[in-house]
N, C-alpha and C. Protein backbone atom coordinates (compact mmCIF):
# COMPACT_ATOMS: atom_id res chain seq x y z
N UNK A 1 1.00 -0.77 0.14
CA UNK A 1 0.45 -0.13 -0.21
C UNK A 1 1.15 1.42 -0.42
N UNK A 2 -0.05 1.92 -0.97
CA UNK A 2 0.77 3.65 -0.59
C UNK A 2 0.58 4.21 0.31
N UNK A 3 2.23 5.14 1.17
CA UNK A 3 2.20 5.83 2.24
C UNK A 3 1.94 6.88 2.31
N UNK A 4 1.06 7.84 2.92
CA UNK A 4 0.41 9.10 2.21
C UNK A 4 1.19 9.68 3.77
N UNK A 5 1.54 10.98 3.67
CA UNK A 5 1.78 12.29 4.93
C UNK A 5 1.38 12.88 4.46
N UNK A 6 0.63 13.58 5.97
CA UNK A 6 0.49 15.17 5.39
C UNK A 6 1.55 16.56 6.02
N UNK A 7 1.75 17.43 5.52
CA UNK A 7 2.83 17.92 6.59
C UNK A 7 2.04 19.14 8.18
N UNK A 8 3.63 18.40 8.18
CA UNK A 8 2.52 19.92 9.54
C UNK A 8 1.84 21.04 9.48
N UNK A 9 2.18 21.43 9.14
CA UNK A 9 0.92 22.74 8.51
C UNK A 9 -0.97 21.84 8.39
N UNK A 10 -0.61 20.64 7.90
CA UNK A 10 -2.11 21.20 7.35
C UNK A 10 -2.03 20.05 9.14
N UNK A 11 -1.70 19.84 9.58
CA UNK A 11 -2.42 18.91 10.33
C UNK A 11 -2.99 20.32 11.46
N UNK A 12 -1.68 21.17 11.46
CA UNK A 12 -2.25 21.97 12.63
C UNK A 12 -4.02 21.91 12.35
N UNK A 13 -4.87 21.96 11.48
CA UNK A 13 -6.04 21.67 11.48
C UNK A 13 -7.04 20.62 11.68
N UNK A 14 -6.29 19.62 10.96
CA UNK A 14 -6.58 18.26 11.08
C UNK A 14 -5.52 17.30 11.63
N UNK A 15 -5.79 16.75 12.50
CA UNK A 15 -5.23 15.76 12.56
C UNK A 15 -5.02 14.34 11.88
N UNK A 16 -4.02 14.24 11.19
CA UNK A 16 -3.92 13.11 9.63
C UNK A 16 -2.24 12.90 10.24
N UNK A 17 -2.06 12.01 10.91
CA UNK A 17 -0.76 10.35 11.26
C UNK A 17 -0.60 10.19 9.89
N UNK A 18 0.13 9.91 9.32
CA UNK A 18 1.42 9.10 8.42
C UNK A 18 0.28 8.25 8.67
N UNK A 19 -0.71 7.36 7.41
CA UNK A 19 -2.15 6.31 6.80
C UNK A 19 -1.18 5.73 5.84
N UNK A 20 -1.34 4.01 5.66
CA UNK A 20 -1.17 3.01 4.36
C UNK A 20 -2.13 3.03 3.85
N UNK A 21 -2.84 3.12 2.85
CA UNK A 21 -3.37 3.40 2.07
C UNK A 21 -4.14 2.96 0.55
N UNK A 22 -4.31 1.74 0.55
CA UNK A 22 -4.64 1.14 -1.09
C UNK A 22 -5.11 1.98 -2.17
N UNK A 23 -4.28 1.41 -3.33
CA UNK A 23 -5.14 2.48 -4.44
C UNK A 23 -3.55 2.25 -5.97
N UNK A 24 -4.97 2.90 -7.19
CA UNK A 24 -3.81 3.08 -8.35
C UNK A 24 -3.77 3.92 -9.21
N UNK A 25 -4.88 4.75 -8.24
CA UNK A 25 -4.68 6.52 -8.56
C UNK A 25 -4.35 7.74 -7.37
N UNK A 26 -4.55 8.69 -7.53
CA UNK A 26 -4.10 9.20 -6.38
C UNK A 26 -5.15 9.16 -5.56
N UNK A 27 -6.30 9.58 -6.93
CA UNK A 27 -7.89 9.95 -6.18
C UNK A 27 -7.86 8.21 -5.02
N UNK A 28 -8.03 7.20 -6.33
CA UNK A 28 -8.51 6.14 -5.60
C UNK A 28 -8.20 5.84 -3.55
N UNK A 29 -6.39 6.63 -3.32
CA UNK A 29 -5.89 6.69 -1.69
C UNK A 29 -6.79 8.13 -1.65
N UNK A 30 -6.60 8.58 -1.73
CA UNK A 30 -7.37 9.82 -1.28
C UNK A 30 -8.68 9.71 -0.68
N UNK A 31 -9.66 8.94 -1.31
CA UNK A 31 -10.25 7.98 -1.76
C UNK A 31 -10.23 7.63 -0.02
N UNK A 32 -9.48 6.91 0.21
CA UNK A 32 -9.88 5.74 1.26
C UNK A 32 -8.58 6.72 2.30
N UNK A 33 -8.88 7.58 1.82
CA UNK A 33 -7.77 8.01 3.71
C UNK A 33 -9.09 9.10 3.50
N UNK A 34 -9.65 9.48 2.40
CA UNK A 34 -11.01 10.56 2.95
C UNK A 34 -11.71 9.95 3.94
N UNK A 35 -12.32 8.51 3.72
CA UNK A 35 -12.96 7.84 4.55
C UNK A 35 -13.07 7.29 5.80
N UNK A 36 -11.34 7.38 6.21
CA UNK A 36 -11.51 6.83 7.37
C UNK A 36 -10.94 8.50 7.98
N UNK A 37 -10.14 9.75 7.48
CA UNK A 37 -11.23 11.07 8.07
C UNK A 37 -11.04 11.71 7.32
N UNK A 38 -12.46 12.29 7.11
CA UNK A 38 -13.43 12.55 5.84
C UNK A 38 -13.55 14.97 6.63
N UNK A 39 -12.63 15.19 7.33
CA UNK A 39 -12.95 16.34 8.15
C UNK A 39 -11.23 16.24 6.79
N UNK A 40 -10.82 16.01 6.97
CA UNK A 40 -9.29 16.30 5.40
C UNK A 40 -9.78 16.28 4.20
N UNK A 41 -11.39 15.69 3.84
CA UNK A 41 -12.07 16.47 2.21
C UNK A 41 -11.58 17.92 1.54
N UNK A 42 -12.68 18.25 3.47
CA UNK A 42 -12.68 19.70 2.91
C UNK A 42 -10.80 20.85 2.50
N UNK A 43 -10.50 20.30 3.50
CA UNK A 43 -8.78 20.86 3.14
C UNK A 43 -8.61 20.40 2.07
N UNK A 44 -8.73 19.17 1.62
CA UNK A 44 -7.12 18.70 0.47
C UNK A 44 -8.16 19.60 -1.31
N UNK A 45 -9.31 18.66 -1.77
CA UNK A 45 -10.09 19.07 -2.70
C UNK A 45 -11.30 19.79 -2.42
N UNK A 46 -11.39 20.48 -3.15
CA UNK A 46 -12.91 21.14 -3.55
C UNK A 46 -13.99 20.71 -2.95
N UNK A 47 -15.51 21.30 -3.58
CA UNK A 47 -16.53 20.59 -3.99
C UNK A 47 -17.32 20.17 -4.96
N UNK A 48 -15.93 19.51 -6.33
CA UNK A 48 -16.13 19.23 -7.47
C UNK A 48 -15.19 18.26 -7.58
N UNK A 49 -14.07 17.76 -5.92
CA UNK A 49 -12.95 16.27 -6.39
C UNK A 49 -12.07 17.35 -6.39
N UNK A 50 -11.54 18.47 -7.64
CA UNK A 50 -10.16 19.04 -7.06
C UNK A 50 -9.75 19.91 -6.57
N UNK A 51 -8.44 18.99 -6.87
CA UNK A 51 -7.21 19.46 -5.53
C UNK A 51 -6.98 20.52 -5.73
N UNK A 52 -7.44 21.35 -4.09
CA UNK A 52 -7.69 23.06 -3.64
C UNK A 52 -6.34 23.50 -4.72
N UNK A 53 -6.79 25.01 -5.00
CA UNK A 53 -5.86 25.76 -5.47
C UNK A 53 -4.46 25.92 -5.01
N UNK A 54 -4.28 25.85 -3.36
CA UNK A 54 -3.28 26.08 -2.34
C UNK A 54 -2.03 24.82 -1.54
N UNK A 55 -3.79 23.40 -2.59
CA UNK A 55 -2.51 22.11 -2.08
C UNK A 55 -1.48 21.87 -3.21
N UNK A 56 -0.65 20.92 -2.60
CA UNK A 56 0.64 20.08 -3.97
C UNK A 56 0.32 19.54 -3.25
N UNK A 57 0.93 18.05 -4.92
CA UNK A 57 0.66 16.83 -3.45
C UNK A 57 1.87 15.89 -4.51
N UNK A 58 2.81 15.61 -4.69
CA UNK A 58 3.98 14.79 -5.12
C UNK A 58 3.64 13.59 -4.23
N UNK A 59 4.30 12.77 -5.43
CA UNK A 59 4.26 11.46 -5.47
C UNK A 59 5.71 10.67 -6.00
N UNK A 60 6.21 10.50 -5.00
CA UNK A 60 7.50 9.49 -5.61
C UNK A 60 8.25 10.63 -5.86
N UNK A 61 8.20 11.68 -5.22
CA UNK A 61 8.44 13.08 -5.12
C UNK A 61 8.26 14.37 -6.47
N UNK A 62 7.21 13.77 -7.15
CA UNK A 62 6.84 14.06 -8.41
C UNK A 62 5.20 14.72 -8.51
N UNK A 63 5.08 15.89 -8.51
CA UNK A 63 4.20 16.89 -8.49
C UNK A 63 3.48 16.40 -9.63
N UNK A 64 2.16 15.91 -8.38
CA UNK A 64 1.22 15.59 -10.00
C UNK A 64 0.66 16.57 -10.71
N UNK A 65 0.64 16.31 -11.99
CA UNK A 65 0.17 17.48 -13.17
C UNK A 65 -1.43 16.31 -13.65
N UNK A 66 -2.02 16.07 -12.85
CA UNK A 66 -3.62 16.17 -12.97
C UNK A 66 -5.06 16.77 -11.51
N UNK A 67 -4.64 17.55 -10.98
CA UNK A 67 -5.40 18.34 -10.27
C UNK A 67 -6.39 18.64 -10.12
N UNK A 68 -7.27 17.81 -11.76
CA UNK A 68 -9.18 18.10 -11.24
C UNK A 68 -9.55 16.92 -11.46
N UNK A 69 -8.87 15.36 -11.99
CA UNK A 69 -9.79 14.48 -11.58
C UNK A 69 -8.86 13.30 -10.54
N UNK A 70 -7.38 13.50 -11.18
CA UNK A 70 -6.09 12.91 -9.74
C UNK A 70 -6.04 11.83 -10.07
N UNK A 71 -6.06 11.61 -11.27
CA UNK A 71 -5.16 10.31 -12.36
C UNK A 71 -3.88 9.54 -12.45
N UNK A 72 -3.33 10.86 -11.70
CA UNK A 72 -1.47 10.46 -11.71
C UNK A 72 -1.47 9.68 -10.87
N UNK A 73 -0.72 7.80 -12.13
CA UNK A 73 -0.41 6.19 -11.32
C UNK A 73 -0.13 6.38 -9.49
N UNK A 74 -0.63 5.88 -8.25
CA UNK A 74 0.10 5.52 -8.13
C UNK A 74 0.56 3.94 -7.73
N UNK A 75 2.13 3.79 -6.64
CA UNK A 75 2.24 2.45 -7.16
C UNK A 75 2.03 1.61 -5.16
N UNK A 76 1.85 0.70 -5.39
CA UNK A 76 1.91 -0.02 -4.11
C UNK A 76 2.47 -0.03 -2.86
N UNK A 77 4.19 0.39 -3.29
CA UNK A 77 4.87 1.91 -2.73
C UNK A 77 5.57 2.61 -2.65
N UNK A 78 4.28 3.13 -3.75
CA UNK A 78 4.94 5.35 -3.35
C UNK A 78 4.38 6.15 -1.85
N UNK A 79 5.37 6.77 -2.09
CA UNK A 79 5.48 8.03 -0.64
C UNK A 79 4.38 9.33 -1.84
N UNK A 80 3.17 9.70 -0.78
CA UNK A 80 3.08 10.78 -1.58
C UNK A 80 2.73 11.64 -0.34
N UNK A 81 3.34 12.95 -0.58
CA UNK A 81 2.46 13.88 0.65
C UNK A 81 2.12 14.80 0.35
N UNK A 82 0.85 15.24 1.11
CA UNK A 82 -0.78 16.58 0.87
C UNK A 82 0.27 17.33 1.38
N UNK A 83 0.56 18.59 0.77
CA UNK A 83 0.97 20.02 1.05
C UNK A 83 0.83 21.44 1.08
N UNK A 84 0.25 22.19 1.81
CA UNK A 84 -0.06 23.61 1.52
C UNK A 84 1.06 24.11 0.68
N UNK A 85 0.14 24.10 0.03
CA UNK A 85 1.63 25.41 -1.74
C UNK A 85 1.96 26.83 -0.53
N UNK A 86 2.64 27.58 -1.17
CA UNK A 86 2.72 28.56 -1.13
C UNK A 86 2.92 29.32 -1.64
N UNK A 87 2.16 30.93 -1.20
CA UNK A 87 1.93 31.89 -2.78
C UNK A 87 2.34 32.82 -1.71
N UNK A 88 2.59 34.52 -3.28
CA UNK A 88 2.83 35.50 -2.66
C UNK A 88 3.77 35.61 -3.70
N UNK A 89 4.18 37.29 -3.08
CA UNK A 89 5.41 37.96 -3.42
C UNK A 89 6.66 38.29 -2.94
């Protein structure tokens, strides 16, 4: 199963320890996590299920490319990091 890690700044709002989750896509993995911890959903994805503007997800060190349907592939040994993106000037 993939290992999903949420950064400390997100954990300040919703307790979200690292978790192992099954799935072949980012969407499948996150749905498993959201079913275990429903409060996380609203922080990570919008009402349409797309990644929120100021969130980023990395799979095995690579930024995902599909922010809408979250179809990026996940392997059973993948490491997924969910974090708030920094913006500003």
